[in-house]
Amino acid sequence: MPGDVNRDLRAARRADTEVRIIEAATELFTERGYVATTLADVAKHAGVGARTVYVRFATKAVLLQRCLDVAIAGDYHRVAVPDRDWFQQAMNAPTAEERIARMAGISGQLMARTGSLLQVAQQAEALEPEIAERAQAAREMTHQAIGGFFRKLAADGLISSENIEWVADTGAVLGQAETYLLLTKTTGQTIEAYESWLVETWTRLVGSTHS
């Protein structure tokens, strides 16, 4: 039993340290940008030893990716977005309107958490092959997840199955992070306006067709 308690305490300390590092790194990345932020800066800002950061995150690219993973998920659990309850609820709501509203809400919340970090990641892609590779994988995962959302709408008989592959591909592009970042740069949209735009655009895309 004492061994279990000690292990639990060590695990709690490790988790607390990770939170402090991620929070510090996220703040510095968004304030200073990728290039101007060093692991030593992060350690100092987090109040931990530099070696602690280097042991947990071998490179700055690895640290940025972990910051993004936490921001995307909204917590520190290593569970993929499509496997989370709130995503599954959006996929299985009883009507097309409710599914679209829920998915737009998820997208808006995700962009609210990640928007600043995504801009940092865009800067870093040109410098870090590892980040560029992960960013492309994330785009493909987003395309698959949102495309699958529209395909399931059709499979469940909530929208027409006509041209469903075009609908799925187009809807997925509209839900990409780059689309959000472009909208904020060109129109200055708030998160609330972005969610409303997604609802209206996705609804028009499927033609509000119900079987």
Foldseek 3Di string as FASTA:
>chain_A
DVVVVVVVVVVVVLVVLLVLLLVLLVVCCLVPFQVPDDLCSSCVSSVHDSVVSCVVAVGSLSSLVQSLQCLQVVHNDPDDPCPDPLNVCLLDPPAPLSSQLSVLVSLLSSCVSCVSSVVSLVVCVVPDVVSVVVVVVVLVVLLVSQLVSQVSCCVVQRFPPVVSNVLSNVLSVCSDSVVVNVCCVPPVDDSVRSSVVSSVVNCVSRPSHGD
